[in-house]
C-alpha atoms as a PDB file:
ATOM      1  CA  MET A   1       0.000   0.000   0.000  1.00  0.00           C
ATOM      2  CA  THR A   2       2.729   2.476   0.950  1.00  0.00           C
ATOM      3  CA  SER A   3       5.132   2.036  -1.948  1.00  0.00           C
ATOM      4  CA  SER A   4       2.355   2.120  -4.572  1.00  0.00           C
ATOM      5  CA  ALA A   5       0.941   5.343  -3.111  1.00  0.00           C
ATOM      6  CA  SER A   6       4.371   6.969  -3.276  1.00  0.00           C
ATOM      7  CA  ASP A   7       4.895   5.772  -6.844  1.00  0.00           C
ATOM      8  CA  GLN A   8       1.462   7.007  -7.900  1.00  0.00           C
ATOM      9  CA  ALA A   9       2.158  10.447  -6.450  1.00  0.00           C
ATOM     10  CA  LYS A  10       5.446  10.680  -8.368  1.00  0.00           C
ATOM     11  CA  GLU A  11       3.744   9.544 -11.586  1.00  0.00           C
ATOM     12  CA  ALA A  12       0.950  12.099 -11.125  1.00  0.00           C
ATOM     13  CA  ILE A  13       3.460  14.927 -10.716  1.00  0.00           C
ATOM     14  CA  GLY A  14       5.348  13.647 -13.745  1.00  0.00           C
ATOM     15  CA  GLN A  15       2.193  13.806 -15.844  1.00  0.00           C
ATOM     16  CA  ARG A  16       1.693  17.438 -14.828  1.00  0.00           C
ATOM     17  CA  PHE A  17       5.217  18.296 -16.003  1.00  0.00           C
ATOM     18  CA  ARG A  18       4.575  16.452 -19.258  1.00  0.00           C
ATOM     19  CA  SER A  19       1.353  18.418 -19.815  1.00  0.00           C
ATOM     20  CA  LEU A  20       3.254  21.691 -19.425  1.00  0.00           C
ATOM     21  CA  ARG A  21       5.840  20.588 -21.969  1.00  0.00           C
ATOM     22  CA  GLU A  22       3.251  19.444 -24.489  1.00  0.00           C
ATOM     23  CA  ALA A  23       1.176  22.618 -24.018  1.00  0.00           C
ATOM     24  CA  ARG A  24       4.293  24.576 -24.985  1.00  0.00           C
ATOM     25  CA  GLY A  25       4.695  22.430 -28.090  1.00  0.00           C
ATOM     26  CA  LEU A  26       8.074  21.045 -27.003  1.00  0.00           C
ATOM     27  CA  THR A  27       9.374  17.549 -27.537  1.00  0.00           C
ATOM     28  CA  GLY A  28      11.304  15.871 -24.773  1.00  0.00           C
ATOM     29  CA  ARG A  29      14.548  16.422 -26.662  1.00  0.00           C
ATOM     30  CA  GLY A  30      13.602  20.024 -27.356  1.00  0.00           C
ATOM     31  CA  LEU A  31      13.032  20.774 -23.660  1.00  0.00           C
ATOM     32  CA  ALA A  32      16.222  18.952 -22.703  1.00  0.00           C
ATOM     33  CA  ALA A  33      18.221  21.055 -25.157  1.00  0.00           C
ATOM     34  CA  ALA A  34      16.629  24.278 -23.883  1.00  0.00           C
ATOM     35  CA  ALA A  35      17.365  23.326 -20.275  1.00  0.00           C
ATOM     36  CA  GLY A  36      20.843  21.960 -20.906  1.00  0.00           C
ATOM     37  CA  TRP A  37      19.881  18.472 -19.666  1.00  0.00           C
ATOM     38  CA  HIS A  38      20.316  14.963 -20.996  1.00  0.00           C
ATOM     39  CA  PRO A  39      17.089  13.796 -22.711  1.00  0.00           C
ATOM     40  CA  THR A  40      16.726  10.863 -20.303  1.00  0.00           C
ATOM     41  CA  LYS A  41      16.174  13.325 -17.449  1.00  0.00           C
ATOM     42  CA  ILE A  42      12.967  14.526 -19.078  1.00  0.00           C
ATOM     43  CA  SER A  43      11.716  10.962 -19.430  1.00  0.00           C
ATOM     44  CA  LYS A  44      12.580  10.051 -15.832  1.00  0.00           C
ATOM     45  CA  ILE A  45      10.749  13.062 -14.390  1.00  0.00           C
ATOM     46  CA  GLU A  46       7.664  12.584 -16.551  1.00  0.00           C
ATOM     47  CA  ARG A  47       7.449   8.869 -15.732  1.00  0.00           C
ATOM     48  CA  GLY A  48       7.836   9.456 -11.998  1.00  0.00           C
ATOM     49  CA  ARG A  49      11.224   7.726 -11.871  1.00  0.00           C
ATOM     50  CA  MET A  50      12.979  10.878 -10.665  1.00  0.00           C
ATOM     51  CA  THR A  51      11.838  13.642  -8.332  1.00  0.00           C
ATOM     52  CA  PRO A  52      13.043  17.019  -9.682  1.00  0.00           C
ATOM     53  CA  SER A  53      14.982  19.410  -7.472  1.00  0.00           C
ATOM     54  CA  ALA A  54      13.686  22.904  -6.748  1.00  0.00           C
ATOM     55  CA  GLU A  55      16.055  24.245  -9.430  1.00  0.00           C
ATOM     56  CA  ASP A  56      14.818  21.628 -11.911  1.00  0.00           C
ATOM     57  CA  VAL A  57      11.241  22.785 -11.304  1.00  0.00           C
ATOM     58  CA  ARG A  58      12.200  26.425 -11.825  1.00  0.00           C
ATOM     59  CA  ILE A  59      13.993  25.692 -15.102  1.00  0.00           C
ATOM     60  CA  TRP A  60      11.241  23.400 -16.435  1.00  0.00           C
ATOM     61  CA  LEU A  61       8.508  25.973 -15.824  1.00  0.00           C
ATOM     62  CA  ASP A  62      10.632  28.808 -17.206  1.00  0.00           C
ATOM     63  CA  ARG A  63      11.334  26.940 -20.454  1.00  0.00           C
ATOM     64  CA  CYS A  64       7.666  26.041 -20.751  1.00  0.00           C
ATOM     65  CA  GLY A  65       6.502  29.618 -20.190  1.00  0.00           C
ATOM     66  CA  ALA A  66       4.738  28.691 -16.953  1.00  0.00           C
ATOM     67  CA  SER A  67       6.793  30.500 -14.308  1.00  0.00           C
ATOM     68  CA  GLY A  68       3.581  31.843 -12.816  1.00  0.00           C
ATOM     69  CA  GLN A  69       2.782  28.322 -11.607  1.00  0.00           C
ATOM     70  CA  GLU A  70       6.118  27.774  -9.878  1.00  0.00           C
ATOM     71  CA  GLU A  71       4.857  28.149  -6.306  1.00  0.00           C
ATOM     72  CA  GLU A  72       2.164  25.538  -6.918  1.00  0.00           C
ATOM     73  CA  PHE A  73       4.561  23.066  -8.545  1.00  0.00           C
ATOM     74  CA  GLN A  74       7.271  23.576  -5.933  1.00  0.00           C
ATOM     75  CA  ALA A  75       4.757  22.791  -3.187  1.00  0.00           C
ATOM     76  CA  ALA A  76       3.505  19.694  -4.991  1.00  0.00           C
ATOM     77  CA  VAL A  77       7.017  18.348  -5.560  1.00  0.00           C
ATOM     78  CA  ALA A  78       8.015  19.100  -1.970  1.00  0.00           C
ATOM     79  CA  GLY A  79       5.025  17.072  -0.810  1.00  0.00           C
ATOM     80  CA  VAL A  80       6.119  14.078  -2.871  1.00  0.00           C
ATOM     81  CA  ARG A  81       9.706  14.459  -1.654  1.00  0.00           C
ATOM     82  CA  GLU A  82       8.562  14.514   1.988  1.00  0.00           C
ATOM     83  CA  MET A  83       6.321  11.486   1.499  1.00  0.00           C
ATOM     84  CA  TYR A  84       9.215   8.998   1.520  1.00  0.00           C
ATOM     85  CA  ILE A  85      12.355   9.811   3.508  1.00  0.00           C
ATOM     86  CA  PRO A  86      15.023   7.119   4.006  1.00  0.00           C
ATOM     87  CA  TRP A  87      16.093   6.753   7.616  1.00  0.00           C
ATOM     88  CA  HIS A  88      19.709   7.553   6.768  1.00  0.00           C
ATOM     89  CA  HIS A  89      18.552  10.972   5.538  1.00  0.00           C
ATOM     90  CA  LEU A  90      16.698  11.622   8.789  1.00  0.00           C
ATOM     91  CA  GLU A  91      19.272  10.153  11.159  1.00  0.00           C
ATOM     92  CA  TYR A  92      22.528  11.424   9.687  1.00  0.00           C
ATOM     93  CA  ALA A  93      23.074  13.624  12.770  1.00  0.00           C
ATOM     94  CA  GLY A  94      21.642  11.147  15.281  1.00  0.00           C
ATOM     95  CA  LEU A  95      18.240  10.169  16.665  1.00  0.00           C
ATOM     96  CA  ARG A  96      17.169  13.487  18.165  1.00  0.00           C
ATOM     97  CA  SER A  97      16.617  15.162  14.796  1.00  0.00           C
ATOM     98  CA  PRO A  98      13.919  12.774  13.493  1.00  0.00           C
ATOM     99  CA  GLN A  99      12.197  12.830  16.893  1.00  0.00           C
ATOM    100  CA  ALA A 100      12.018  16.627  16.774  1.00  0.00           C
ATOM    101  CA  LYS A 101      10.942  16.633  13.116  1.00  0.00           C
ATOM    102  CA  VAL A 102       7.696  14.744  13.785  1.00  0.00           C
ATOM    103  CA  MET A 103       6.678  16.611  16.953  1.00  0.00           C
ATOM    104  CA  PRO A 104       4.769  19.459  15.209  1.00  0.00           C
ATOM    105  CA  VAL A 105       2.336  16.880  13.800  1.00  0.00           C
ATOM    106  CA  TRP A 106       1.833  15.367  17.253  1.00  0.00           C
ATOM    107  CA  ASP A 107       1.452  18.756  18.930  1.00  0.00           C
ATOM    108  CA  SER A 108      -1.238  19.949  16.534  1.00  0.00           C
ATOM    109  CA  ALA A 109      -3.415  16.809  16.569  1.00  0.00           C
ATOM    110  CA  HIS A 110      -6.253  15.953  18.953  1.00  0.00           C
ATOM    111  CA  GLN A 111      -7.247  12.500  17.717  1.00  0.00           C
ATOM    112  CA  PHE A 112      -4.596   9.782  17.524  1.00  0.00           C
ATOM    113  CA  ARG A 113      -5.162   6.303  16.113  1.00  0.00           C
ATOM    114  CA  GLY A 114      -2.252   3.889  15.986  1.00  0.00           C
ATOM    115  CA  TYR A 115      -1.532   0.269  15.128  1.00  0.00           C
ATOM    116  CA  THR A 116       1.586  -1.737  15.875  1.00  0.00           C
ATOM    117  CA  HIS A 117       2.669  -5.323  15.463  1.00  0.00           C
ATOM    118  CA  SER A 118       6.265  -4.773  16.576  1.00  0.00           C
ATOM    119  CA  ILE A 119       6.761  -2.754  19.788  1.00  0.00           C
ATOM    120  CA  ILE A 120       4.792  -0.696  22.292  1.00  0.00           C
ATOM    121  CA  PRO A 121       4.152   2.633  20.497  1.00  0.00           C
ATOM    122  CA  GLY A 122       5.960   5.780  21.602  1.00  0.00           C
ATOM    123  CA  PRO A 123       3.340   7.653  23.693  1.00  0.00           C
ATOM    124  CA  LEU A 124       2.599   4.509  25.728  1.00  0.00           C
ATOM    125  CA  GLN A 125       6.243   3.727  26.465  1.00  0.00           C
ATOM    126  CA  THR A 126       8.014   4.223  29.775  1.00  0.00           C
ATOM    127  CA  GLY A 127      11.251   6.187  29.682  1.00  0.00           C
ATOM    128  CA  GLU A 128      13.265   3.000  30.266  1.00  0.00           C
ATOM    129  CA  TYR A 129      11.522   1.201  27.417  1.00  0.00           C
ATOM    130  CA  THR A 130      12.095   4.149  25.066  1.00  0.00           C
ATOM    131  CA  ARG A 131      15.782   4.272  26.015  1.00  0.00           C
ATOM    132  CA  ALA A 132      16.116   0.562  25.192  1.00  0.00           C
ATOM    133  CA  VAL A 133      14.404   1.044  21.808  1.00  0.00           C
ATOM    134  CA  LEU A 134      16.528   4.050  20.854  1.00  0.00           C
ATOM    135  CA  SER A 135      19.734   2.328  21.981  1.00  0.00           C
ATOM    136  CA  SER A 136      18.883  -0.660  19.807  1.00  0.00           C
ATOM    137  CA  ILE A 137      18.297   1.577  16.767  1.00  0.00           C
ATOM    138  CA  ARG A 138      21.558   3.446  17.446  1.00  0.00           C
ATOM    139  CA  ASP A 139      23.546   0.201  17.591  1.00  0.00           C
ATOM    140  CA  ARG A 140      21.851  -1.433  14.622  1.00  0.00           C
ATOM    141  CA  ARG A 141      22.345   1.574  12.329  1.00  0.00           C
ATOM    142  CA  GLY A 142      25.697   2.732  13.701  1.00  0.00           C
ATOM    143  CA  LEU A 143      24.433   6.202  14.613  1.00  0.00           C
ATOM    144  CA  VAL A 144      25.817   9.043  16.686  1.00  0.00           C
ATOM    145  CA  ASP A 145      25.139   8.398  20.376  1.00  0.00           C
ATOM    146  CA  ASP A 146      22.563  11.050  21.275  1.00  0.00           C
ATOM    147  CA  VAL A 147      20.084   8.664  22.873  1.00  0.00           C
ATOM    148  CA  GLU A 148      19.531  10.818  25.972  1.00  0.00           C
ATOM    149  CA  LEU A 149      18.751  13.910  23.878  1.00  0.00           C
ATOM    150  CA  ALA A 150      16.417  11.896  21.649  1.00  0.00           C
ATOM    151  CA  LEU A 151      14.748  10.432  24.734  1.00  0.00           C
ATOM    152  CA  GLU A 152      14.078  13.886  26.147  1.00  0.00           C
ATOM    153  CA  THR A 153      12.385  14.941  22.908  1.00  0.00           C
ATOM    154  CA  ARG A 154      10.385  11.752  22.517  1.00  0.00           C
ATOM    155  CA  LEU A 155       9.029  11.864  26.065  1.00  0.00           C
ATOM    156  CA  ARG A 156       7.175  15.059  25.147  1.00  0.00           C
ATOM    157  CA  LYS A 157       4.534  12.689  23.765  1.00  0.00           C
ATOM    158  CA  HIS A 158       3.740  11.733  27.371  1.00  0.00           C
ATOM    159  CA  GLU A 159       2.475  15.270  27.915  1.00  0.00           C
ATOM    160  CA  LEU A 160       0.035  14.821  25.039  1.00  0.00           C
ATOM    161  CA  LEU A 161      -1.153  11.507  26.462  1.00  0.00           C
ATOM    162  CA  ALA A 162      -1.846  13.203  29.800  1.00  0.00           C
ATOM    163  CA  ASP A 163      -4.096  15.788  28.140  1.00  0.00           C
ATOM    164  CA  PRO A 164      -7.732  14.606  28.525  1.00  0.00           C
ATOM    165  CA  SER A 165      -8.819  16.781  25.593  1.00  0.00           C
ATOM    166  CA  ARG A 166      -6.886  14.498  23.248  1.00  0.00           C
ATOM    167  CA  LYS A 167      -8.216  11.054  22.346  1.00  0.00           C
ATOM    168  CA  PHE A 168      -5.966   8.027  21.800  1.00  0.00           C
ATOM    169  CA  GLU A 169      -7.056   4.742  20.233  1.00  0.00           C
ATOM    170  CA  VAL A 170      -4.253   2.185  19.948  1.00  0.00           C
ATOM    171  CA  VAL A 171      -4.370  -1.361  18.587  1.00  0.00           C
ATOM    172  CA  LEU A 172      -1.599  -3.811  19.490  1.00  0.00           C
ATOM    173  CA  GLU A 173      -0.968  -7.345  18.357  1.00  0.00           C
ATOM    174  CA  GLU A 174      -0.833  -9.658  21.390  1.00  0.00           C
ATOM    175  CA  CYS A 175       2.712 -10.706  20.462  1.00  0.00           C
ATOM    176  CA  VAL A 176       3.878  -7.161  21.296  1.00  0.00           C
ATOM    177  CA  LEU A 177       3.130  -7.818  24.983  1.00  0.00           C
ATOM    178  CA  GLY A 178       5.565 -10.705  25.142  1.00  0.00           C
ATOM    179  CA  ARG A 179       8.343  -9.192  23.064  1.00  0.00           C
ATOM    180  CA  MET A 180      11.260  -8.418  25.364  1.00  0.00           C
ATOM    181  CA  VAL A 181      12.724  -4.933  24.945  1.00  0.00           C
ATOM    182  CA  GLY A 182      15.457  -4.225  27.466  1.00  0.00           C
ATOM    183  CA  SER A 183      15.638  -6.104  30.757  1.00  0.00           C
ATOM    184  CA  PRO A 184      12.835  -8.008  32.528  1.00  0.00           C
ATOM    185  CA  GLU A 185      12.534  -5.036  34.893  1.00  0.00           C
ATOM    186  CA  VAL A 186      11.921  -2.740  31.912  1.00  0.00           C
ATOM    187  CA  ALA A 187       9.231  -5.132  30.632  1.00  0.00           C
ATOM    188  CA  VAL A 188       7.465  -5.237  34.006  1.00  0.00           C
ATOM    189  CA  LYS A 189       7.342  -1.448  34.296  1.00  0.00           C
ATOM    190  CA  GLN A 190       6.135  -1.142  30.700  1.00  0.00           C
ATOM    191  CA  LEU A 191       3.317  -3.653  31.053  1.00  0.00           C
ATOM    192  CA  THR A 192       2.267  -2.078  34.355  1.00  0.00           C
ATOM    193  CA  ARG A 193       2.080   1.300  32.619  1.00  0.00           C
ATOM    194  CA  LEU A 194      -0.169  -0.175  29.915  1.00  0.00           C
ATOM    195  CA  ILE A 195      -2.605  -1.366  32.557  1.00  0.00           C
ATOM    196  CA  GLU A 196      -2.656   2.054  34.214  1.00  0.00           C
ATOM    197  CA  LEU A 197      -3.161   3.861  30.902  1.00  0.00           C
ATOM    198  CA  ASN A 198      -6.037   1.610  29.911  1.00  0.00           C
ATOM    199  CA  TYR A 199      -8.091   2.992  32.800  1.00  0.00           C
ATOM    200  CA  LEU A 200      -7.896   6.542  31.431  1.00  0.00           C
ATOM    201  CA  PRO A 201     -11.192   7.552  29.771  1.00  0.00           C
ATOM    202  CA  HIS A 202      -9.489   9.234  26.807  1.00  0.00           C
ATOM    203  CA  VAL A 203      -7.087   6.321  26.122  1.00  0.00           C
ATOM    204  CA  ASP A 204      -8.459   3.154  24.489  1.00  0.00           C
ATOM    205  CA  ILE A 205      -5.839   0.395  24.242  1.00  0.00           C
ATOM    206  CA  ARG A 206      -7.034  -2.669  22.350  1.00  0.00           C
ATOM    207  CA  ILE A 207      -5.287  -5.954  21.645  1.00  0.00           C
ATOM    208  CA  ILE A 208      -5.702  -8.395  18.762  1.00  0.00           C
ATOM    209  CA  PRO A 209      -5.517 -11.904  20.286  1.00  0.00           C
ATOM    210  CA  HIS A 210      -3.224 -14.578  18.879  1.00  0.00           C
ATOM    211  CA  CYS A 211      -6.349 -16.562  18.067  1.00  0.00           C
ATOM    212  CA  ALA A 212      -7.862 -13.949  15.739  1.00  0.00           C
ATOM    213  CA  GLU A 213      -9.245 -15.727  12.700  1.00  0.00           C
ATOM    214  CA  ALA A 214      -6.777 -15.638   9.815  1.00  0.00           C
ATOM    215  CA  ALA A 215      -9.693 -15.508   7.391  1.00  0.00           C
ATOM    216  CA  SER A 216     -10.697 -12.107   8.744  1.00  0.00           C
ATOM    217  CA  ARG A 217      -7.291 -10.771   7.751  1.00  0.00           C
ATOM    218  CA  SER A 218      -7.578 -11.393   4.045  1.00  0.00           C
ATOM    219  CA  GLY A 219      -7.667  -8.553   1.567  1.00  0.00           C
ATOM    220  CA  GLY A 220      -4.246  -7.018   2.107  1.00  0.00           C
ATOM    221  CA  TRP A 221      -4.493  -5.660   5.652  1.00  0.00           C
ATOM    222  CA  PRO A 222      -1.352  -3.675   6.501  1.00  0.00           C
ATOM    223  CA  VAL A 223       1.643  -5.147   8.276  1.00  0.00           C
ATOM    224  CA  GLU A 224       3.445  -1.848   8.885  1.00  0.00           C
ATOM    225  CA  ASP A 225       3.072   0.210  12.056  1.00  0.00           C
ATOM    226  CA  PHE A 226       1.206   3.473  11.483  1.00  0.00           C
ATOM    227  CA  TRP A 227      -0.384   6.487  13.178  1.00  0.00           C
ATOM    228  CA  ILE A 228      -3.348   8.523  11.946  1.00  0.00           C
ATOM    229  CA  PHE A 229      -3.443  12.119  13.214  1.00  0.00           C
ATOM    230  CA  ASP A 230      -6.951  13.595  13.262  1.00  0.00           C
ATOM    231  CA  ARG A 231      -8.283  12.762   9.800  1.00  0.00           C
ATOM    232  CA  ALA A 232      -5.552  14.562   7.906  1.00  0.00           C
ATOM    233  CA  HIS A 233      -2.150  12.906   8.257  1.00  0.00           C
ATOM    234  CA  VAL A 234      -0.739   9.367   8.349  1.00  0.00           C
ATOM    235  CA  ALA A 235       2.783   8.425   9.463  1.00  0.00           C
ATOM    236  CA  VAL A 236       4.235   5.022   8.580  1.00  0.00           C
ATOM    237  CA  GLU A 237       7.508   3.541   9.778  1.00  0.00           C
ATOM    238  CA  LEU A 238       9.077   1.077   7.347  1.00  0.00           C
ATOM    239  CA  VAL A 239      12.353  -0.786   7.737  1.00  0.00           C
ATOM    240  CA  GLY A 240      14.144   1.582   5.383  1.00  0.00           C
ATOM    241  CA  ALA A 241      12.161   4.814   5.488  1.00  0.00           C
ATOM    242  CA  TYR A 242       9.643   7.097   7.163  1.00  0.00           C
ATOM    243  CA  MET A 243       6.548   7.832   5.098  1.00  0.00           C
ATOM    244  CA  THR A 244       3.798  10.404   5.397  1.00  0.00           C
ATOM    245  CA  PHE A 245       0.452  10.660   3.629  1.00  0.00           C
ATOM    246  CA  THR A 246      -1.858  13.659   3.574  1.00  0.00           C
ATOM    247  CA  ALA A 247      -3.960  13.036   0.448  1.00  0.00           C
ATOM    248  CA  ASP A 248      -7.587  12.300   1.325  1.00  0.00           C
ATOM    249  CA  ALA A 249      -7.645   8.962  -0.516  1.00  0.00           C
ATOM    250  CA  ASP A 250      -4.535   7.701   1.279  1.00  0.00           C
ATOM    251  CA  VAL A 251      -5.782   8.804   4.703  1.00  0.00           C
ATOM    252  CA  ARG A 252      -9.143   7.121   4.074  1.00  0.00           C
ATOM    253  CA  ASN A 253      -7.354   3.873   3.161  1.00  0.00           C
ATOM    254  CA  TYR A 254      -5.553   3.859   6.494  1.00  0.00           C
ATOM    255  CA  GLU A 255      -8.735   4.776   8.346  1.00  0.00           C
ATOM    256  CA  LYS A 256     -10.424   1.748   6.784  1.00  0.00           C
ATOM    257  CA  ALA A 257      -7.476  -0.453   7.733  1.00  0.00           C
ATOM    258  CA  PHE A 258      -7.560   0.847  11.300  1.00  0.00           C
ATOM    259  CA  SER A 259     -11.303   0.277  11.562  1.00  0.00           C
ATOM    260  CA  ASP A 260     -10.862  -3.348  10.440  1.00  0.00           C
ATOM    261  CA  LEU A 261      -8.045  -3.946  12.930  1.00  0.00           C
ATOM    262  CA  PHE A 262      -9.942  -2.202  15.734  1.00  0.00           C
ATOM    263  CA  GLY A 263     -12.878  -4.514  15.083  1.00  0.00           C
ATOM    264  CA  GLN A 264     -10.677  -7.592  15.604  1.00  0.00           C
ATOM    265  CA  ALA A 265      -9.244  -6.285  18.884  1.00  0.00           C
ATOM    266  CA  VAL A 266     -10.509  -6.543  22.453  1.00  0.00           C
ATOM    267  CA  GLY A 267     -10.408  -3.764  25.039  1.00  0.00           C
ATOM    268  CA  GLY A 268     -11.342  -2.940  28.604  1.00  0.00           C
ATOM    269  CA  ALA A 269     -11.119  -5.672  31.221  1.00  0.00           C
ATOM    270  CA  ARG A 270     -10.333  -8.387  28.677  1.00  0.00           C
ATOM    271  CA  ALA A 271      -7.372  -6.421  27.322  1.00  0.00           C
ATOM    272  CA  ARG A 272      -6.122  -5.829  30.857  1.00  0.00           C
ATOM    273  CA  ARG A 273      -6.304  -9.552  31.597  1.00  0.00           C
ATOM    274  CA  MET A 274      -4.108 -10.202  28.547  1.00  0.00           C
ATOM    275  CA  ILE A 275      -1.601  -7.624  29.769  1.00  0.00           C
ATOM    276  CA  VAL A 276      -1.614  -9.173  33.270  1.00  0.00           C
ATOM    277  CA  LYS A 277      -0.931 -12.581  31.739  1.00  0.00           C
ATOM    278  CA  ALA A 278       2.062 -11.144  29.874  1.00  0.00           C
ATOM    279  CA  LEU A 279       3.173  -9.418  33.066  1.00  0.00           C
ATOM    280  CA  GLU A 280       3.143 -12.729  34.934  1.00  0.00           C
ATOM    281  CA  GLY A 281       5.292 -14.231  32.207  1.00  0.00           C
ATOM    282  CA  ALA A 282       7.831 -11.409  32.508  1.00  0.00           C
ATOM    283  CA  THR A 283       8.343 -11.817  36.255  1.00  0.00           C
END
């Protein structure tokens, strides 16, 4: 779902550049010659195989007599560029930078819906659990050691979780409860925090049991962790990149996926019993 959406966005932008060229009566080779580019660059941009730089956009529109549309095109291209960001681009200076980069989206939202099959999601984590997660990422990717600075930034999400005017709905796979992150002591504190949070009226933590019918999961349900902010923004964490979606169609797709997953999950007292069971196994 994620890669195809990114590809489609690039192809759509490419078609808009092609329309400008054709409206000007230029061939691909003619535009390349006017811009001082190799002809293959024109083809790659128009087919969505290459995202143009800001300077590329300026030159393309100038040669096509459409400089008046530059602001619009620059914004559209920037949106595509921001949709898919490899982790090594975000984390080149360490882990604090990507944590700070996403905080404006968190700060401005009031409804949060998240799904995870891998680890306890950020706002629900204890400080010790978060430190263990960040340390693991640092070691695995060979990053600068700024874990404590990144931790300080990431824990700002706890302030949002404490705000009763904001609503959190989170769906976890049951396997997340038994996945050891850090020491057994870290696991015990984390599971205890989940139980405490699940009593808050504005926090709804639901768990998909191991026994959920496989048949109900047909139709391409997502396997990636994601967050939906209000009804306007989706953030997805892949192995190799961080992705964002703001187009209505993409957000609606994730809302449908979340609704399906939410329907398979259990909450309230039953969810707490599952957490207690995992807690007993961690002690």
